[in-house]
Amino acid sequence: PINQDCAQILSANYFEVIAAPSYEEGTVEILKARKNLRI
């Protein structure tokens, strides 16, 4: 599962896709700051 610490790394850099088995509470909101990111 992606946690908030992971989400901070991911949102601070440019990626095309993030794929994980699940996302802990609060992580998706951080990642969605990247509008074109496929989550």
ModelCIF file with pLDDT and N, C-alpha, C, O atoms, coordinates in Angstrom:
data_MODEL
#
_entry.id   MODEL 
#
_entity.id                         1 
_entity.type                       polymer 
_entity.pdbx_number_of_molecules   1 
#
_entity_poly.entity_id                      1 
_entity_poly.type                           'polypeptide(L)' 
_entity_poly.nstd_linkage                   no 
_entity_poly.nstd_monomer                   no 
_entity_poly.pdbx_seq_one_letter_code       PINQDCAQILSANYFEVIAAPSYEEGTVEILKARKNLRI 
_entity_poly.pdbx_seq_one_letter_code_can   PINQDCAQILSANYFEVIAAPSYEEGTVEILKARKNLRI 
_entity_poly.pdbx_strand_id                 A 
#
loop_
_entity_poly_seq.entity_id 
_entity_poly_seq.num 
_entity_poly_seq.mon_id 
_entity_poly_seq.hetero 
1 1  PRO n 
1 2  ILE n 
1 3  ASN n 
1 4  GLN n 
1 5  ASP n 
1 6  CYS n 
1 7  ALA n 
1 8  GLN n 
1 9  ILE n 
1 10 LEU n 
1 11 SER n 
1 12 ALA n 
1 13 ASN n 
1 14 TYR n 
1 15 PHE n 
1 16 GLU n 
1 17 VAL n 
1 18 ILE n 
1 19 ALA n 
1 20 ALA n 
1 21 PRO n 
1 22 SER n 
1 23 TYR n 
1 24 GLU n 
1 25 GLU n 
1 26 GLY n 
1 27 THR n 
1 28 VAL n 
1 29 GLU n 
1 30 ILE n 
1 31 LEU n 
1 32 LYS n 
1 33 ALA n 
1 34 ARG n 
1 35 LYS n 
1 36 ASN n 
1 37 LEU n 
1 38 ARG n 
1 39 ILE n 
#
_struct_asym.id          A 
_struct_asym.entity_id   1 
#
loop_
_ma_qa_metric.id 
_ma_qa_metric.mode 
_ma_qa_metric.name 
_ma_qa_metric.software_group_id 
_ma_qa_metric.type 
1 global pLDDT . pLDDT 
2 local  pLDDT . pLDDT 
#
_ma_qa_metric_global.metric_id      1 
_ma_qa_metric_global.metric_value   96.41 
_ma_qa_metric_global.model_id       1 
_ma_qa_metric_global.ordinal_id     1 
#
loop_
_ma_qa_metric_local.label_asym_id 
_ma_qa_metric_local.label_comp_id 
_ma_qa_metric_local.label_seq_id 
_ma_qa_metric_local.metric_id 
_ma_qa_metric_local.metric_value 
_ma_qa_metric_local.model_id 
_ma_qa_metric_local.ordinal_id 
A PRO 1  2 98.00 1 1  
A ILE 2  2 98.00 1 2  
A ASN 3  2 97.00 1 3  
A GLN 4  2 96.00 1 4  
A ASP 5  2 97.00 1 5  
A CYS 6  2 97.00 1 6  
A ALA 7  2 97.00 1 7  
A GLN 8  2 97.00 1 8  
A ILE 9  2 96.00 1 9  
A LEU 10 2 97.00 1 10 
A SER 11 2 96.00 1 11 
A ALA 12 2 96.00 1 12 
A ASN 13 2 96.00 1 13 
A TYR 14 2 96.00 1 14 
A PHE 15 2 97.00 1 15 
A GLU 16 2 96.00 1 16 
A VAL 17 2 97.00 1 17 
A ILE 18 2 98.00 1 18 
A ALA 19 2 98.00 1 19 
A ALA 20 2 98.00 1 20 
A PRO 21 2 98.00 1 21 
A SER 22 2 98.00 1 22 
A TYR 23 2 98.00 1 23 
A GLU 24 2 97.00 1 24 
A GLU 25 2 95.00 1 25 
A GLY 26 2 94.00 1 26 
A THR 27 2 97.00 1 27 
A VAL 28 2 97.00 1 28 
A GLU 29 2 96.00 1 29 
A ILE 30 2 97.00 1 30 
A LEU 31 2 97.00 1 31 
A LYS 32 2 96.00 1 32 
A ALA 33 2 94.00 1 33 
A ARG 34 2 94.00 1 34 
A LYS 35 2 93.00 1 35 
A ASN 36 2 92.00 1 36 
A LEU 37 2 96.00 1 37 
A ARG 38 2 96.00 1 38 
A ILE 39 2 97.00 1 39 
#
loop_
_atom_site.group_PDB 
_atom_site.id 
_atom_site.type_symbol 
_atom_site.label_atom_id 
_atom_site.label_alt_id 
_atom_site.label_comp_id 
_atom_site.label_asym_id 
_atom_site.label_entity_id 
_atom_site.label_seq_id 
_atom_site.pdbx_PDB_ins_code 
_atom_site.Cartn_x 
_atom_site.Cartn_y 
_atom_site.Cartn_z 
_atom_site.occupancy 
_atom_site.B_iso_or_equiv 
_atom_site.pdbx_formal_charge 
_atom_site.auth_seq_id 
_atom_site.auth_comp_id 
_atom_site.auth_asym_id 
_atom_site.auth_atom_id 
_atom_site.pdbx_PDB_model_num 
ATOM 1   N N  . PRO A 1 1  ? 0.820  -1.220 0.000   1.00 98.00 ? 1  PRO A N  1 
ATOM 2   C CA . PRO A 1 1  ? 0.000  0.000  0.000   1.00 98.00 ? 1  PRO A CA 1 
ATOM 3   C C  . PRO A 1 1  ? 0.853  1.270  0.000   1.00 98.00 ? 1  PRO A C  1 
ATOM 4   O O  . PRO A 1 1  ? 1.874  1.349  0.683   1.00 98.00 ? 1  PRO A O  1 
ATOM 5   N N  . ILE A 1 2  ? 0.421  2.245  -0.768  1.00 98.00 ? 2  ILE A N  1 
ATOM 6   C CA . ILE A 1 2  ? 1.078  3.548  -0.801  1.00 98.00 ? 2  ILE A CA 1 
ATOM 7   C C  . ILE A 1 2  ? 0.678  4.331  0.449   1.00 98.00 ? 2  ILE A C  1 
ATOM 8   O O  . ILE A 1 2  ? -0.509 4.498  0.730   1.00 98.00 ? 2  ILE A O  1 
ATOM 9   N N  . ASN A 1 3  ? 1.682  4.813  1.205   1.00 97.00 ? 3  ASN A N  1 
ATOM 10  C CA . ASN A 1 3  ? 1.386  5.632  2.380   1.00 97.00 ? 3  ASN A CA 1 
ATOM 11  C C  . ASN A 1 3  ? 1.656  7.106  2.075   1.00 97.00 ? 3  ASN A C  1 
ATOM 12  O O  . ASN A 1 3  ? 2.079  7.444  0.970   1.00 97.00 ? 3  ASN A O  1 
ATOM 13  N N  . GLN A 1 4  ? 1.417  7.969  3.038   1.00 96.00 ? 4  GLN A N  1 
ATOM 14  C CA . GLN A 1 4  ? 1.539  9.397  2.780   1.00 96.00 ? 4  GLN A CA 1 
ATOM 15  C C  . GLN A 1 4  ? 2.986  9.805  2.510   1.00 96.00 ? 4  GLN A C  1 
ATOM 16  O O  . GLN A 1 4  ? 3.225  10.723 1.725   1.00 96.00 ? 4  GLN A O  1 
ATOM 17  N N  . ASP A 1 5  ? 3.952  9.147  3.141   1.00 97.00 ? 5  ASP A N  1 
ATOM 18  C CA . ASP A 1 5  ? 5.352  9.459  2.847   1.00 97.00 ? 5  ASP A CA 1 
ATOM 19  C C  . ASP A 1 5  ? 5.686  9.144  1.390   1.00 97.00 ? 5  ASP A C  1 
ATOM 20  O O  . ASP A 1 5  ? 6.377  9.912  0.720   1.00 97.00 ? 5  ASP A O  1 
ATOM 21  N N  . CYS A 1 6  ? 5.189  8.009  0.913   1.00 97.00 ? 6  CYS A N  1 
ATOM 22  C CA . CYS A 1 6  ? 5.382  7.658  -0.493  1.00 97.00 ? 6  CYS A CA 1 
ATOM 23  C C  . CYS A 1 6  ? 4.711  8.687  -1.401  1.00 97.00 ? 6  CYS A C  1 
ATOM 24  O O  . CYS A 1 6  ? 5.279  9.112  -2.407  1.00 97.00 ? 6  CYS A O  1 
ATOM 25  N N  . ALA A 1 7  ? 3.498  9.076  -1.029  1.00 97.00 ? 7  ALA A N  1 
ATOM 26  C CA . ALA A 1 7  ? 2.743  10.034 -1.842  1.00 97.00 ? 7  ALA A CA 1 
ATOM 27  C C  . ALA A 1 7  ? 3.490  11.352 -1.978  1.00 97.00 ? 7  ALA A C  1 
ATOM 28  O O  . ALA A 1 7  ? 3.421  12.000 -3.022  1.00 97.00 ? 7  ALA A O  1 
ATOM 29  N N  . GLN A 1 8  ? 4.202  11.753 -0.934  1.00 97.00 ? 8  GLN A N  1 
ATOM 30  C CA . GLN A 1 8  ? 4.959  13.006 -0.995  1.00 97.00 ? 8  GLN A CA 1 
ATOM 31  C C  . GLN A 1 8  ? 6.083  12.907 -2.018  1.00 97.00 ? 8  GLN A C  1 
ATOM 32  O O  . GLN A 1 8  ? 6.312  13.849 -2.777  1.00 97.00 ? 8  GLN A O  1 
ATOM 33  N N  . ILE A 1 9  ? 6.783  11.784 -2.047  1.00 96.00 ? 9  ILE A N  1 
ATOM 34  C CA . ILE A 1 9  ? 7.833  11.584 -3.054  1.00 96.00 ? 9  ILE A CA 1 
ATOM 35  C C  . ILE A 1 9  ? 7.238  11.605 -4.452  1.00 96.00 ? 9  ILE A C  1 
ATOM 36  O O  . ILE A 1 9  ? 7.766  12.257 -5.352  1.00 96.00 ? 9  ILE A O  1 
ATOM 37  N N  . LEU A 1 10 ? 6.139  10.888 -4.626  1.00 97.00 ? 10 LEU A N  1 
ATOM 38  C CA . LEU A 1 10 ? 5.532  10.746 -5.942  1.00 97.00 ? 10 LEU A CA 1 
ATOM 39  C C  . LEU A 1 10 ? 4.984  12.059 -6.464  1.00 97.00 ? 10 LEU A C  1 
ATOM 40  O O  . LEU A 1 10 ? 5.147  12.372 -7.643  1.00 97.00 ? 10 LEU A O  1 
ATOM 41  N N  . SER A 1 11 ? 4.338  12.831 -5.604  1.00 96.00 ? 11 SER A N  1 
ATOM 42  C CA . SER A 1 11 ? 3.733  14.091 -6.048  1.00 96.00 ? 11 SER A CA 1 
ATOM 43  C C  . SER A 1 11 ? 4.777  15.165 -6.303  1.00 96.00 ? 11 SER A C  1 
ATOM 44  O O  . SER A 1 11 ? 4.514  16.128 -7.024  1.00 96.00 ? 11 SER A O  1 
ATOM 45  N N  . ALA A 1 12 ? 5.963  15.008 -5.716  1.00 96.00 ? 12 ALA A N  1 
ATOM 46  C CA . ALA A 1 12 ? 7.021  16.002 -5.891  1.00 96.00 ? 12 ALA A CA 1 
ATOM 47  C C  . ALA A 1 12 ? 7.795  15.795 -7.185  1.00 96.00 ? 12 ALA A C  1 
ATOM 48  O O  . ALA A 1 12 ? 8.645  16.612 -7.538  1.00 96.00 ? 12 ALA A O  1 
ATOM 49  N N  . ASN A 1 13 ? 7.505  14.702 -7.898  1.00 96.00 ? 13 ASN A N  1 
ATOM 50  C CA . ASN A 1 13 ? 8.222  14.394 -9.126  1.00 96.00 ? 13 ASN A CA 1 
ATOM 51  C C  . ASN A 1 13 ? 7.242  14.020 -10.230 1.00 96.00 ? 13 ASN A C  1 
ATOM 52  O O  . ASN A 1 13 ? 6.083  13.701 -9.965  1.00 96.00 ? 13 ASN A O  1 
ATOM 53  N N  . TYR A 1 14 ? 7.718  14.062 -11.465 1.00 96.00 ? 14 TYR A N  1 
ATOM 54  C CA . TYR A 1 14 ? 6.837  13.796 -12.601 1.00 96.00 ? 14 TYR A CA 1 
ATOM 55  C C  . TYR A 1 14 ? 6.859  12.322 -12.973 1.00 96.00 ? 14 TYR A C  1 
ATOM 56  O O  . TYR A 1 14 ? 7.885  11.788 -13.395 1.00 96.00 ? 14 TYR A O  1 
ATOM 57  N N  . PHE A 1 15 ? 5.707  11.673 -12.810 1.00 97.00 ? 15 PHE A N  1 
ATOM 58  C CA . PHE A 1 15 ? 5.518  10.296 -13.248 1.00 97.00 ? 15 PHE A CA 1 
ATOM 59  C C  . PHE A 1 15 ? 4.255  10.239 -14.110 1.00 97.00 ? 15 PHE A C  1 
ATOM 60  O O  . PHE A 1 15 ? 3.365  11.081 -13.987 1.00 97.00 ? 15 PHE A O  1 
ATOM 61  N N  . GLU A 1 16 ? 4.196  9.243  -14.973 1.00 96.00 ? 16 GLU A N  1 
ATOM 62  C CA . GLU A 1 16 ? 3.025  9.048  -15.832 1.00 96.00 ? 16 GLU A CA 1 
ATOM 63  C C  . GLU A 1 16 ? 1.965  8.192  -15.142 1.00 96.00 ? 16 GLU A C  1 
ATOM 64  O O  . GLU A 1 16 ? 0.766  8.446  -15.261 1.00 96.00 ? 16 GLU A O  1 
ATOM 65  N N  . VAL A 1 17 ? 2.430  7.171  -14.417 1.00 97.00 ? 17 VAL A N  1 
ATOM 66  C CA . VAL A 1 17 ? 1.511  6.180  -13.844 1.00 97.00 ? 17 VAL A CA 1 
ATOM 67  C C  . VAL A 1 17 ? 1.993  5.775  -12.453 1.00 97.00 ? 17 VAL A C  1 
ATOM 68  O O  . VAL A 1 17 ? 3.191  5.618  -12.220 1.00 97.00 ? 17 VAL A O  1 
ATOM 69  N N  . ILE A 1 18 ? 1.052  5.611  -11.545 1.00 98.00 ? 18 ILE A N  1 
ATOM 70  C CA . ILE A 1 18 ? 1.316  4.979  -10.248 1.00 98.00 ? 18 ILE A CA 1 
ATOM 71  C C  . ILE A 1 18 ? 0.382  3.780  -10.146 1.00 98.00 ? 18 ILE A C  1 
ATOM 72  O O  . ILE A 1 18 ? -0.829 3.925  -10.314 1.00 98.00 ? 18 ILE A O  1 
ATOM 73  N N  . ALA A 1 19 ? 0.927  2.606  -9.876  1.00 98.00 ? 19 ALA A N  1 
ATOM 74  C CA . ALA A 1 19 ? 0.102  1.406  -9.706  1.00 98.00 ? 19 ALA A CA 1 
ATOM 75  C C  . ALA A 1 19 ? 0.465  0.741  -8.394  1.00 98.00 ? 19 ALA A C  1 
ATOM 76  O O  . ALA A 1 19 ? 1.632  0.435  -8.147  1.00 98.00 ? 19 ALA A O  1 
ATOM 77  N N  . ALA A 1 20 ? -0.538 0.514  -7.547  1.00 98.00 ? 20 ALA A N  1 
ATOM 78  C CA . ALA A 1 20 ? -0.329 -0.071 -6.220  1.00 98.00 ? 20 ALA A CA 1 
ATOM 79  C C  . ALA A 1 20 ? -1.520 -0.955 -5.878  1.00 98.00 ? 20 ALA A C  1 
ATOM 80  O O  . ALA A 1 20 ? -2.594 -0.796 -6.457  1.00 98.00 ? 20 ALA A O  1 
ATOM 81  N N  . PRO A 1 21 ? -1.340 -1.892 -4.938  1.00 98.00 ? 21 PRO A N  1 
ATOM 82  C CA . PRO A 1 21 ? -2.479 -2.729 -4.533  1.00 98.00 ? 21 PRO A CA 1 
ATOM 83  C C  . PRO A 1 21 ? -3.547 -1.947 -3.780  1.00 98.00 ? 21 PRO A C  1 
ATOM 84  O O  . PRO A 1 21 ? -4.722 -2.313 -3.816  1.00 98.00 ? 21 PRO A O  1 
ATOM 85  N N  . SER A 1 22 ? -3.143 -0.855 -3.087  1.00 98.00 ? 22 SER A N  1 
ATOM 86  C CA . SER A 1 22 ? -4.096 -0.018 -2.365  1.00 98.00 ? 22 SER A CA 1 
ATOM 87  C C  . SER A 1 22 ? -3.406 1.281  -1.964  1.00 98.00 ? 22 SER A C  1 
ATOM 88  O O  . SER A 1 22 ? -2.195 1.439  -2.113  1.00 98.00 ? 22 SER A O  1 
ATOM 89  N N  . TYR A 1 23 ? -4.220 2.208  -1.450  1.00 98.00 ? 23 TYR A N  1 
ATOM 90  C CA . TYR A 1 23 ? -3.717 3.525  -1.046  1.00 98.00 ? 23 TYR A CA 1 
ATOM 91  C C  . TYR A 1 23 ? -4.243 3.841  0.352   1.00 98.00 ? 23 TYR A C  1 
ATOM 92  O O  . TYR A 1 23 ? -5.446 3.775  0.604   1.00 98.00 ? 23 TYR A O  1 
ATOM 93  N N  . GLU A 1 24 ? -3.336 4.182  1.246   1.00 97.00 ? 24 GLU A N  1 
ATOM 94  C CA . GLU A 1 24 ? -3.765 4.518  2.598   1.00 97.00 ? 24 GLU A CA 1 
ATOM 95  C C  . GLU A 1 24 ? -4.518 5.853  2.611   1.00 97.00 ? 24 GLU A C  1 
ATOM 96  O O  . GLU A 1 24 ? -4.405 6.651  1.681   1.00 97.00 ? 24 GLU A O  1 
ATOM 97  N N  . GLU A 1 25 ? -5.280 6.076  3.670   1.00 95.00 ? 25 GLU A N  1 
ATOM 98  C CA . GLU A 1 25 ? -6.101 7.283  3.783   1.00 95.00 ? 25 GLU A CA 1 
ATOM 99  C C  . GLU A 1 25 ? -5.240 8.539  3.626   1.00 95.00 ? 25 GLU A C  1 
ATOM 100 O O  . GLU A 1 25 ? -4.170 8.667  4.221   1.00 95.00 ? 25 GLU A O  1 
ATOM 101 N N  . GLY A 1 26 ? -5.747 9.453  2.807   1.00 94.00 ? 26 GLY A N  1 
ATOM 102 C CA . GLY A 1 26 ? -5.079 10.734 2.612   1.00 94.00 ? 26 GLY A CA 1 
ATOM 103 C C  . GLY A 1 26 ? -4.067 10.767 1.495   1.00 94.00 ? 26 GLY A C  1 
ATOM 104 O O  . GLY A 1 26 ? -3.606 11.845 1.119   1.00 94.00 ? 26 GLY A O  1 
ATOM 105 N N  . THR A 1 27 ? -3.703 9.608  0.944   1.00 97.00 ? 27 THR A N  1 
ATOM 106 C CA . THR A 1 27 ? -2.658 9.589  -0.087  1.00 97.00 ? 27 THR A CA 1 
ATOM 107 C C  . THR A 1 27 ? -3.182 10.007 -1.451  1.00 97.00 ? 27 THR A C  1 
ATOM 108 O O  . THR A 1 27 ? -2.501 10.721 -2.187  1.00 97.00 ? 27 THR A O  1 
ATOM 109 N N  . VAL A 1 28 ? -4.372 9.571  -1.789  1.00 97.00 ? 28 VAL A N  1 
ATOM 110 C CA . VAL A 1 28 ? -4.914 9.883  -3.116  1.00 97.00 ? 28 VAL A CA 1 
ATOM 111 C C  . VAL A 1 28 ? -5.070 11.382 -3.301  1.00 97.00 ? 28 VAL A C  1 
ATOM 112 O O  . VAL A 1 28 ? -4.811 11.907 -4.384  1.00 97.00 ? 28 VAL A O  1 
ATOM 113 N N  . GLU A 1 29 ? -5.491 12.073 -2.250  1.00 96.00 ? 29 GLU A N  1 
ATOM 114 C CA . GLU A 1 29 ? -5.659 13.528 -2.339  1.00 96.00 ? 29 GLU A CA 1 
ATOM 115 C C  . GLU A 1 29 ? -4.324 14.204 -2.658  1.00 96.00 ? 29 GLU A C  1 
ATOM 116 O O  . GLU A 1 29 ? -4.286 15.178 -3.411  1.00 96.00 ? 29 GLU A O  1 
ATOM 117 N N  . ILE A 1 30 ? -3.238 13.695 -2.094  1.00 97.00 ? 30 ILE A N  1 
ATOM 118 C CA . ILE A 1 30 ? -1.914 14.254 -2.384  1.00 97.00 ? 30 ILE A CA 1 
ATOM 119 C C  . ILE A 1 30 ? -1.539 13.988 -3.845  1.00 97.00 ? 30 ILE A C  1 
ATOM 120 O O  . ILE A 1 30 ? -1.043 14.878 -4.536  1.00 97.00 ? 30 ILE A O  1 
ATOM 121 N N  . LEU A 1 31 ? -1.776 12.769 -4.306  1.00 97.00 ? 31 LEU A N  1 
ATOM 122 C CA . LEU A 1 31 ? -1.387 12.388 -5.659  1.00 97.00 ? 31 LEU A CA 1 
ATOM 123 C C  . LEU A 1 31 ? -2.213 13.104 -6.729  1.00 97.00 ? 31 LEU A C  1 
ATOM 124 O O  . LEU A 1 31 ? -1.710 13.389 -7.816  1.00 97.00 ? 31 LEU A O  1 
ATOM 125 N N  . LYS A 1 32 ? -3.480 13.394 -6.419  1.00 96.00 ? 32 LYS A N  1 
ATOM 126 C CA . LYS A 1 32 ? -4.350 14.027 -7.410  1.00 96.00 ? 32 LYS A CA 1 
ATOM 127 C C  . LYS A 1 32 ? -3.959 15.464 -7.729  1.00 96.00 ? 32 LYS A C  1 
ATOM 128 O O  . LYS A 1 32 ? -4.528 16.083 -8.629  1.00 96.00 ? 32 LYS A O  1 
ATOM 129 N N  . ALA A 1 33 ? -2.997 15.990 -6.995  1.00 94.00 ? 33 ALA A N  1 
ATOM 130 C CA . ALA A 1 33 ? -2.478 17.318 -7.355  1.00 94.00 ? 33 ALA A CA 1 
ATOM 131 C C  . ALA A 1 33 ? -1.850 17.285 -8.746  1.00 94.00 ? 33 ALA A C  1 
ATOM 132 O O  . ALA A 1 33 ? -1.765 18.311 -9.422  1.00 94.00 ? 33 ALA A O  1 
ATOM 133 N N  . ARG A 1 34 ? -1.414 16.108 -9.164  1.00 94.00 ? 34 ARG A N  1 
ATOM 134 C CA . ARG A 1 34 ? -0.917 15.908 -10.528 1.00 94.00 ? 34 ARG A CA 1 
ATOM 135 C C  . ARG A 1 34 ? -2.094 15.476 -11.397 1.00 94.00 ? 34 ARG A C  1 
ATOM 136 O O  . ARG A 1 34 ? -2.464 14.302 -11.405 1.00 94.00 ? 34 ARG A O  1 
ATOM 137 N N  . LYS A 1 35 ? -2.680 16.419 -12.127 1.00 93.00 ? 35 LYS A N  1 
ATOM 138 C CA . LYS A 1 35 ? -3.946 16.173 -12.823 1.00 93.00 ? 35 LYS A CA 1 
ATOM 139 C C  . LYS A 1 35 ? -3.848 15.113 -13.915 1.00 93.00 ? 35 LYS A C  1 
ATOM 140 O O  . LYS A 1 35 ? -4.813 14.389 -14.160 1.00 93.00 ? 35 LYS A O  1 
ATOM 141 N N  . ASN A 1 36 ? -2.706 15.016 -14.568 1.00 92.00 ? 36 ASN A N  1 
ATOM 142 C CA . ASN A 1 36 ? -2.573 14.064 -15.665 1.00 92.00 ? 36 ASN A CA 1 
ATOM 143 C C  . ASN A 1 36 ? -2.030 12.709 -15.235 1.00 92.00 ? 36 ASN A C  1 
ATOM 144 O O  . ASN A 1 36 ? -1.846 11.820 -16.066 1.00 92.00 ? 36 ASN A O  1 
ATOM 145 N N  . LEU A 1 37 ? -1.773 12.547 -13.947 1.00 96.00 ? 37 LEU A N  1 
ATOM 146 C CA . LEU A 1 37 ? -1.246 11.285 -13.439 1.00 96.00 ? 37 LEU A CA 1 
ATOM 147 C C  . LEU A 1 37 ? -2.305 10.197 -13.482 1.00 96.00 ? 37 LEU A C  1 
ATOM 148 O O  . LEU A 1 37 ? -3.433 10.405 -13.035 1.00 96.00 ? 37 LEU A O  1 
ATOM 149 N N  . ARG A 1 38 ? -1.943 9.031  -14.021 1.00 96.00 ? 38 ARG A N  1 
ATOM 150 C CA . ARG A 1 38 ? -2.832 7.872  -13.946 1.00 96.00 ? 38 ARG A CA 1 
ATOM 151 C C  . ARG A 1 38 ? -2.593 7.182  -12.605 1.00 96.00 ? 38 ARG A C  1 
ATOM 152 O O  . ARG A 1 38 ? -1.486 6.710  -12.343 1.00 96.00 ? 38 ARG A O  1 
ATOM 153 N N  . ILE A 1 39 ? -3.598 7.119  -11.772 1.00 97.00 ? 39 ILE A N  1 
ATOM 154 C CA . ILE A 1 39 ? -3.484 6.488  -10.457 1.00 97.00 ? 39 ILE A CA 1 
ATOM 155 C C  . ILE A 1 39 ? -4.295 5.193  -10.505 1.00 97.00 ? 39 ILE A C  1 
ATOM 156 O O  . ILE A 1 39 ? -4.361 4.468  -9.512  1.00 97.00 ? 39 ILE A O  1 
#
